[in-house]
Amino acid sequence: MSTNFNPFVVSGKIPEAYFCDRKEEAEQLIKAMTNQLNVVLTSPRRMGKTSLVDFVFNKPAIKDAYITISVDILQTTTFREFIYSLGTAVFDTVATRSDRWRKLFVTFLKSLSGSFGYDPVQNTPTFDIRLGDIQQPEYTLREIFQYLESVDKRCLVVIDEFQQITRYPEKNVEEILRTQIQKLANVTFVFSGSRRRLMEEMFFSAKRPFYQSARPLRLEPIVKDTYFQFADHHFKAAGKAIDRQAFELVYDTFWGVTLYVQRLMKDAFIETVQGQTFTEQTARQLIDDYISENDSRIREQLSFISEAQKELLYAIHAEGQVQSITSSAFNRKHRLRSPSSTQSAALKLLEYDLITRKEKTYTLSDSLLSLWLDRNG
């Protein structure tokens, strides 16, 4: 790796030498998948779920023995879009391994066979399916899974932001998926999600189809001392130094959220020249710059919520955490319209992932949003 390489990676796959901790979580994930146990992986956004999965998939124990397939469904809004995303990922990852597996893909997906294109040079199928070609989503799903069952290696499929299926207009998606998945012998799943409440309802409620169908694994913030040691090591390796108080200021300010801490460390590494130390003063400036950098994005985000929702958001931010959002005392203190209006606003803010609820306590979901409100509230 180049000596000019910034060791604090914030996008793409992270080389093992620059991957901070998560040893226990990686071991648990590998152990579950290699023993045919599905996993439900949860954490708040920006905590590093995708990076952890990519890291584990690149381990020899996984990379050499399995076919790994990743599907991000955050942007999907219907079951048909889910099938399209899954089919695309399976084709790109599995079918492209050889001409034989391309042709078998077309053979198995009879419901779409008339929609595939062909490469005239290679005389092989190409996946130029359009969303409108998927007329029987449930049937196409069964065909995709039957194809994966026929593959010569065991398949590991991670579905990112899995809670998105609860927002589809079709009412039976969970039942359909659970029915098909439980029949599979050659496929193990990681159901990854950042909406903890929704994911827990899906997998831990006896009333839901996915009840107790996957082993839970939750990512918490990387331990502060471990993260500092990681940062200190890489600063020293580059002939630089980092003040512990400066690091702790960044870590605490952003609640230990991996993406934010990593990004600020990346900026700190850039700003600190060889022979010098990253200090609290520089840390404060970088934090302020990062809030400014995200100003337009946050303003746009807030422009999509109603006045009542904003009022509740500001009230929760002012309190830090709130247990009884419908109490008369809380509503009077913050001049909210009514307990019923507050309850309705809370449901929307939870849906938009602007606030989170843990054991009946409401807080803001995003440390960066909280900092922005400190400045602009």
Protein backbone atom coordinates (compact mmCIF):
# COMPACT_ATOMS: atom_id res chain seq x y z
CA MET A 1 0.00 0.00 0.00
CA SER A 2 1.32 3.46 -0.87
CA THR A 3 2.89 5.49 1.94
CA ASN A 4 0.58 8.33 0.85
CA PHE A 5 -2.50 6.21 1.51
CA ASN A 6 -4.91 7.67 4.05
CA PRO A 7 -5.57 4.82 6.53
CA PHE A 8 -9.03 6.10 7.51
CA VAL A 9 -11.18 4.65 4.72
CA VAL A 10 -14.75 5.95 4.45
CA SER A 11 -15.98 4.40 1.19
CA GLY A 12 -15.55 1.18 -0.71
CA LYS A 13 -14.04 -1.99 0.67
CA ILE A 14 -11.63 -1.50 3.54
CA PRO A 15 -8.29 -3.37 3.40
CA GLU A 16 -7.83 -5.58 6.45
CA ALA A 17 -4.87 -3.54 7.71
CA TYR A 18 -7.13 -0.47 7.93
CA PHE A 19 -10.20 -2.18 9.39
CA CYS A 20 -10.76 -1.11 12.98
CA ASP A 21 -11.65 -3.89 15.43
CA ARG A 22 -15.02 -5.73 14.99
CA LYS A 23 -13.07 -8.96 15.62
CA GLU A 24 -15.76 -10.47 17.83
CA GLU A 25 -18.58 -9.52 15.49
CA ALA A 26 -16.67 -10.86 12.46
CA GLU A 27 -16.06 -14.17 14.23
CA GLN A 28 -19.72 -14.46 15.18
CA LEU A 29 -20.84 -13.74 11.63
CA ILE A 30 -18.41 -16.26 10.11
CA LYS A 31 -19.35 -18.92 12.67
CA ALA A 32 -23.07 -18.48 11.99
CA MET A 33 -22.81 -18.46 8.19
CA THR A 34 -20.45 -21.44 7.99
CA ASN A 35 -22.89 -23.38 10.15
CA GLN A 36 -25.91 -22.56 7.97
CA LEU A 37 -27.45 -20.12 10.44
CA ASN A 38 -29.25 -17.08 9.06
CA VAL A 39 -28.30 -13.82 10.81
CA VAL A 40 -30.26 -10.65 11.54
CA LEU A 41 -27.66 -7.88 11.69
CA THR A 42 -28.83 -4.58 13.18
CA SER A 43 -27.31 -1.26 14.17
CA PRO A 44 -28.05 2.42 13.77
CA ARG A 45 -27.16 3.90 10.40
CA ARG A 46 -23.51 4.66 9.69
CA MET A 47 -22.21 2.15 12.23
CA GLY A 48 -20.47 -0.02 9.63
CA LYS A 49 -22.79 -2.97 8.87
CA THR A 50 -21.98 -3.02 5.17
CA SER A 51 -18.25 -2.67 5.79
CA LEU A 52 -18.37 -5.54 8.27
CA VAL A 53 -20.14 -7.81 5.78
CA ASP A 54 -17.69 -6.88 3.00
CA PHE A 55 -14.80 -7.52 5.40
CA VAL A 56 -16.12 -10.95 6.36
CA PHE A 57 -16.94 -11.90 2.77
CA ASN A 58 -13.30 -11.24 1.88
CA LYS A 59 -11.99 -13.65 4.53
CA PRO A 60 -10.50 -16.87 3.08
CA ALA A 61 -12.96 -19.03 5.07
CA ILE A 62 -15.80 -17.34 3.16
CA LYS A 63 -14.25 -16.11 -0.07
CA ASP A 64 -12.75 -19.48 -1.05
CA ALA A 65 -15.70 -21.69 -0.16
CA TYR A 66 -18.85 -19.66 -0.88
CA ILE A 67 -20.50 -17.45 -3.46
CA THR A 68 -21.39 -14.15 -1.80
CA ILE A 69 -24.25 -11.99 -3.04
CA SER A 70 -25.13 -8.51 -1.74
CA VAL A 71 -28.45 -6.76 -2.37
CA ASP A 72 -29.30 -3.27 -1.10
CA ILE A 73 -33.07 -2.72 -1.14
CA LEU A 74 -33.23 0.70 0.55
CA GLN A 75 -34.45 2.39 -2.63
CA THR A 76 -37.05 -0.25 -3.48
CA THR A 77 -40.72 0.55 -2.94
CA THR A 78 -42.51 -2.56 -4.23
CA PHE A 79 -42.11 -6.33 -4.24
CA ARG A 80 -41.42 -6.22 -7.97
CA GLU A 81 -38.50 -3.85 -7.36
CA PHE A 82 -37.21 -6.26 -4.70
CA ILE A 83 -37.30 -9.14 -7.20
CA TYR A 84 -35.57 -6.97 -9.80
CA SER A 85 -32.76 -6.03 -7.39
CA LEU A 86 -32.32 -9.63 -6.25
CA GLY A 87 -32.37 -10.99 -9.79
CA THR A 88 -29.82 -8.42 -10.95
CA ALA A 89 -27.48 -9.24 -8.06
CA VAL A 90 -27.75 -13.00 -8.64
CA PHE A 91 -27.10 -12.62 -12.36
CA ASP A 92 -24.13 -10.28 -11.86
CA THR A 93 -22.56 -12.42 -9.13
CA VAL A 94 -23.46 -16.01 -10.00
CA ALA A 95 -24.52 -16.26 -13.62
CA THR A 96 -21.52 -14.34 -14.95
CA ARG A 97 -19.14 -17.00 -13.61
CA SER A 98 -19.37 -18.90 -16.90
CA ASP A 99 -21.42 -19.29 -20.06
CA ARG A 100 -22.97 -22.40 -18.56
CA TRP A 101 -24.28 -20.58 -15.51
CA ARG A 102 -25.60 -17.73 -17.68
CA LYS A 103 -27.58 -20.15 -19.79
CA LEU A 104 -28.83 -22.02 -16.74
CA PHE A 105 -30.07 -18.73 -15.30
CA VAL A 106 -32.26 -18.22 -18.35
CA THR A 107 -33.39 -21.84 -18.18
CA PHE A 108 -34.49 -21.53 -14.56
CA LEU A 109 -36.18 -18.14 -14.95
CA LYS A 110 -38.91 -19.29 -17.30
CA SER A 111 -41.16 -16.39 -16.27
CA LEU A 112 -38.62 -13.95 -17.76
CA SER A 113 -37.08 -16.08 -20.51
CA GLY A 114 -38.60 -13.98 -23.28
CA SER A 115 -37.12 -10.79 -21.85
CA PHE A 116 -33.41 -11.64 -21.77
CA GLY A 117 -31.07 -10.13 -24.31
CA TYR A 118 -28.11 -11.87 -25.96
CA ASP A 119 -24.53 -10.85 -26.60
CA PRO A 120 -24.09 -11.52 -30.34
CA VAL A 121 -20.32 -11.86 -29.97
CA GLN A 122 -20.27 -14.25 -27.01
CA ASN A 123 -23.68 -15.79 -27.83
CA THR A 124 -24.59 -15.61 -24.14
CA PRO A 125 -27.60 -14.12 -22.35
CA THR A 126 -27.45 -10.61 -20.93
CA PHE A 127 -29.59 -9.35 -18.06
CA ASP A 128 -31.43 -6.46 -19.66
CA ILE A 129 -34.69 -7.20 -17.87
CA ARG A 130 -36.95 -4.22 -17.21
CA LEU A 131 -39.10 -3.79 -14.12
CA GLY A 132 -42.24 -4.16 -16.23
CA ASP A 133 -41.09 -7.59 -17.40
CA ILE A 134 -41.69 -9.00 -13.91
CA GLN A 135 -45.39 -9.87 -14.05
CA GLN A 136 -45.42 -12.68 -11.47
CA PRO A 137 -43.04 -11.61 -8.66
CA GLU A 138 -43.75 -14.57 -6.39
CA TYR A 139 -43.16 -17.04 -9.18
CA THR A 140 -39.97 -15.28 -10.31
CA LEU A 141 -38.69 -15.29 -6.73
CA ARG A 142 -39.19 -19.05 -6.56
CA GLU A 143 -37.26 -19.45 -9.82
CA ILE A 144 -34.34 -17.34 -8.54
CA PHE A 145 -34.13 -19.42 -5.38
CA GLN A 146 -34.34 -22.68 -7.36
CA TYR A 147 -31.41 -21.44 -9.44
CA LEU A 148 -29.36 -20.72 -6.30
CA GLU A 149 -30.20 -24.21 -5.03
CA SER A 150 -28.62 -25.65 -8.17
CA VAL A 151 -25.33 -23.75 -7.84
CA ASP A 152 -22.19 -25.82 -7.21
CA LYS A 153 -21.14 -23.73 -4.18
CA ARG A 154 -23.08 -22.70 -1.14
CA CYS A 155 -24.47 -19.16 -1.48
CA LEU A 156 -24.41 -16.43 1.15
CA VAL A 157 -26.90 -13.64 0.50
CA VAL A 158 -26.94 -10.38 2.44
CA ILE A 159 -30.05 -8.23 2.03
CA ASP A 160 -29.25 -4.72 3.25
CA GLU A 161 -31.96 -2.51 4.79
CA PHE A 162 -34.26 -5.54 4.96
CA GLN A 163 -36.88 -3.63 6.96
CA GLN A 164 -37.79 -1.87 3.71
CA ILE A 165 -40.07 -4.79 2.80
CA THR A 166 -42.49 -3.65 5.53
CA ARG A 167 -43.18 -0.51 3.49
CA TYR A 168 -44.20 -2.27 0.29
CA PRO A 169 -47.87 -1.89 -0.68
CA GLU A 170 -48.18 -5.68 -0.98
CA LYS A 171 -49.31 -7.01 2.38
CA ASN A 172 -47.93 -10.54 2.29
CA VAL A 173 -44.26 -10.06 1.37
CA GLU A 174 -42.93 -11.33 4.71
CA GLU A 175 -45.01 -14.51 4.40
CA ILE A 176 -43.91 -15.11 0.81
CA LEU A 177 -40.22 -14.63 1.58
CA ARG A 178 -40.29 -16.71 4.75
CA THR A 179 -42.12 -19.56 3.01
CA GLN A 180 -39.58 -19.67 0.19
CA ILE A 181 -36.47 -19.14 2.32
CA GLN A 182 -37.25 -21.91 4.77
CA LYS A 183 -37.22 -24.41 1.87
CA LEU A 184 -33.64 -23.59 0.85
CA ALA A 185 -30.75 -25.89 1.64
CA ASN A 186 -27.95 -24.21 -0.34
CA VAL A 187 -28.44 -20.58 0.73
CA THR A 188 -27.75 -18.73 4.00
CA PHE A 189 -29.00 -15.18 4.57
CA VAL A 190 -27.86 -12.10 6.44
CA PHE A 191 -30.81 -9.77 6.97
CA SER A 192 -29.21 -6.40 7.65
CA GLY A 193 -31.16 -3.38 8.88
CA SER A 194 -30.70 0.04 10.46
CA ARG A 195 -34.25 0.40 11.81
CA ARG A 196 -33.82 -1.58 15.02
CA ARG A 197 -37.45 -1.35 16.14
CA LEU A 198 -38.80 -2.63 12.83
CA MET A 199 -36.20 -5.38 12.55
CA GLU A 200 -36.88 -6.58 16.08
CA GLU A 201 -40.61 -6.64 15.43
CA MET A 202 -40.03 -8.71 12.30
CA PHE A 203 -37.71 -11.29 13.85
CA PHE A 204 -38.61 -11.37 17.55
CA SER A 205 -42.40 -11.08 17.53
CA ALA A 206 -44.21 -14.42 17.65
CA LYS A 207 -46.89 -12.93 15.40
CA ARG A 208 -44.52 -12.35 12.45
CA PRO A 209 -43.43 -14.89 9.80
CA PHE A 210 -39.67 -14.43 10.42
CA TYR A 211 -39.99 -15.08 14.17
CA GLN A 212 -36.82 -16.75 15.51
CA SER A 213 -35.63 -17.56 11.99
CA ALA A 214 -32.23 -15.86 12.34
CA ARG A 215 -29.51 -15.40 14.93
CA PRO A 216 -29.35 -11.79 16.21
CA LEU A 217 -26.13 -9.77 15.91
CA ARG A 218 -26.14 -6.09 16.87
CA LEU A 219 -23.35 -3.62 16.16
CA GLU A 220 -22.62 -1.10 18.89
CA PRO A 221 -20.07 1.74 18.64
CA ILE A 222 -16.46 0.58 18.58
CA VAL A 223 -15.03 0.88 22.10
CA LYS A 224 -13.45 4.32 22.51
CA ASP A 225 -10.10 3.08 23.79
CA THR A 226 -9.83 0.51 20.99
CA TYR A 227 -10.63 3.15 18.39
CA PHE A 228 -8.06 5.53 19.83
CA GLN A 229 -5.36 2.86 19.74
CA PHE A 230 -6.21 2.22 16.08
CA ALA A 231 -5.97 5.93 15.24
CA ASP A 232 -2.83 6.46 17.31
CA HIS A 233 -1.11 3.54 15.58
CA HIS A 234 -1.74 4.88 12.09
CA PHE A 235 -0.79 8.44 12.98
CA LYS A 236 2.50 7.22 14.45
CA ALA A 237 3.17 5.01 11.42
CA ALA A 238 2.99 8.15 9.27
CA GLY A 239 5.28 10.15 11.57
CA LYS A 240 2.37 12.09 13.07
CA ALA A 241 0.73 12.24 16.50
CA ILE A 242 -2.82 12.51 17.79
CA ASP A 243 -3.76 13.99 21.13
CA ARG A 244 -6.04 11.64 23.06
CA GLN A 245 -8.30 14.50 24.18
CA ALA A 246 -8.69 15.56 20.54
CA PHE A 247 -9.74 12.06 19.55
CA GLU A 248 -12.16 11.76 22.47
CA LEU A 249 -13.72 15.09 21.54
CA VAL A 250 -14.46 13.75 18.04
CA TYR A 251 -15.68 10.37 19.33
CA ASP A 252 -17.97 11.83 22.00
CA THR A 253 -19.30 14.61 19.77
CA PHE A 254 -20.47 12.07 17.20
CA TRP A 255 -21.64 9.46 19.75
CA GLY A 256 -19.03 6.99 18.52
CA VAL A 257 -20.80 6.59 15.15
CA THR A 258 -18.24 4.85 12.95
CA LEU A 259 -18.74 6.77 9.71
CA TYR A 260 -18.51 10.18 11.37
CA VAL A 261 -15.51 9.31 13.54
CA GLN A 262 -13.77 7.74 10.57
CA ARG A 263 -14.44 10.76 8.37
CA LEU A 264 -13.14 13.19 11.00
CA MET A 265 -10.03 11.05 11.49
CA LYS A 266 -9.51 11.08 7.74
CA ASP A 267 -9.68 14.89 7.77
CA ALA A 268 -7.42 15.01 10.83
CA PHE A 269 -4.84 12.83 9.08
CA ILE A 270 -4.89 15.21 6.10
CA GLU A 271 -4.52 18.33 8.26
CA THR A 272 -1.72 16.97 10.44
CA VAL A 273 1.69 17.16 8.76
CA GLN A 274 4.57 14.89 9.68
CA GLY A 275 6.14 15.78 13.02
CA GLN A 276 3.03 17.57 14.28
CA THR A 277 0.10 16.63 16.54
CA PHE A 278 -3.63 16.65 15.93
CA THR A 279 -4.99 18.86 18.73
CA GLU A 280 -8.35 19.72 20.27
CA GLN A 281 -8.28 23.11 18.58
CA THR A 282 -8.00 21.51 15.15
CA ALA A 283 -10.64 18.94 16.12
CA ARG A 284 -13.14 21.69 16.95
CA GLN A 285 -12.47 23.39 13.61
CA LEU A 286 -12.92 20.15 11.65
CA ILE A 287 -16.17 19.38 13.47
CA ASP A 288 -17.47 22.86 12.66
CA ASP A 289 -16.41 22.47 9.01
CA TYR A 290 -18.18 19.12 8.76
CA ILE A 291 -21.43 20.56 10.10
CA SER A 292 -21.20 23.36 7.53
CA GLU A 293 -20.48 20.84 4.78
CA ASN A 294 -23.76 19.08 5.55
CA ASP A 295 -25.85 22.21 6.07
CA SER A 296 -27.71 22.10 2.73
CA ARG A 297 -28.42 18.37 2.99
CA ILE A 298 -29.90 18.69 6.48
CA ARG A 299 -32.00 21.73 5.54
CA GLU A 300 -33.39 19.81 2.58
CA GLN A 301 -34.08 16.79 4.79
CA LEU A 302 -36.05 18.93 7.24
CA SER A 303 -37.98 20.64 4.46
CA PHE A 304 -39.92 17.42 3.89
CA ILE A 305 -41.41 17.18 7.38
CA SER A 306 -44.42 19.08 8.70
CA GLU A 307 -44.41 21.92 11.21
CA ALA A 308 -45.78 19.67 13.95
CA GLN A 309 -43.05 17.12 13.27
CA LYS A 310 -40.38 19.84 13.41
CA GLU A 311 -41.74 21.09 16.73
CA LEU A 312 -41.51 17.62 18.23
CA LEU A 313 -38.06 17.06 16.76
CA TYR A 314 -36.81 20.30 18.32
CA ALA A 315 -38.42 19.39 21.66
CA ILE A 316 -36.75 15.98 21.79
CA HIS A 317 -33.45 17.58 20.85
CA ALA A 318 -33.82 20.13 23.64
CA GLU A 319 -34.45 17.39 26.20
CA GLY A 320 -31.80 15.00 24.90
CA GLN A 321 -34.07 12.05 25.61
CA VAL A 322 -37.77 11.80 26.38
CA GLN A 323 -39.71 8.93 27.91
CA SER A 324 -43.26 10.30 27.90
CA ILE A 325 -43.75 12.29 24.72
CA THR A 326 -47.52 12.34 25.21
CA SER A 327 -47.40 13.58 28.80
CA SER A 328 -49.14 16.88 29.52
CA ALA A 329 -46.00 18.24 31.17
CA PHE A 330 -43.81 17.61 28.12
CA ASN A 331 -46.39 18.99 25.70
CA ARG A 332 -46.99 22.12 27.79
CA LYS A 333 -43.27 22.77 28.31
CA HIS A 334 -42.56 22.73 24.58
CA ARG A 335 -45.89 24.25 23.51
CA LEU A 336 -46.84 21.27 21.41
CA ARG A 337 -50.35 21.11 19.98
CA SER A 338 -51.78 18.09 21.78
CA PRO A 339 -50.70 14.63 22.97
CA SER A 340 -52.52 13.01 20.03
CA SER A 341 -50.80 15.33 17.55
CA THR A 342 -47.47 14.58 19.23
CA GLN A 343 -48.08 10.85 18.92
CA SER A 344 -48.84 11.17 15.21
CA ALA A 345 -45.74 13.31 14.66
CA ALA A 346 -43.59 10.80 16.53
CA LEU A 347 -44.75 7.94 14.30
CA LYS A 348 -43.74 9.91 11.21
CA LEU A 349 -40.36 10.90 12.65
CA LEU A 350 -39.70 7.26 13.50
CA GLU A 351 -40.66 6.30 9.96
CA TYR A 352 -38.27 8.91 8.55
CA ASP A 353 -35.53 7.67 10.93
CA LEU A 354 -35.09 11.17 12.40
CA ILE A 355 -35.75 9.89 15.90
CA THR A 356 -35.34 6.48 17.49
CA ARG A 357 -37.12 4.71 20.31
CA LYS A 358 -35.37 2.35 22.68
CA GLU A 359 -37.18 0.92 25.69
CA LYS A 360 -39.83 3.67 25.45
CA THR A 361 -37.17 6.42 25.38
CA TYR A 362 -37.05 8.74 22.37
CA THR A 363 -33.84 10.37 21.13
CA LEU A 364 -32.56 11.85 17.89
CA SER A 365 -31.20 9.20 15.53
CA ASP A 366 -28.35 11.24 14.09
CA SER A 367 -25.56 12.95 16.02
CA LEU A 368 -24.82 15.21 13.05
CA LEU A 369 -28.43 16.42 13.00
CA SER A 370 -28.19 17.09 16.73
CA LEU A 371 -25.06 19.19 16.19
CA TRP A 372 -26.73 21.08 13.38
CA LEU A 373 -29.70 21.86 15.64
CA ASP A 374 -27.31 23.05 18.34
CA ARG A 375 -26.03 25.58 15.84
CA ASN A 376 -29.29 26.49 14.11
CA GLY A 377 -32.05 25.72 16.62
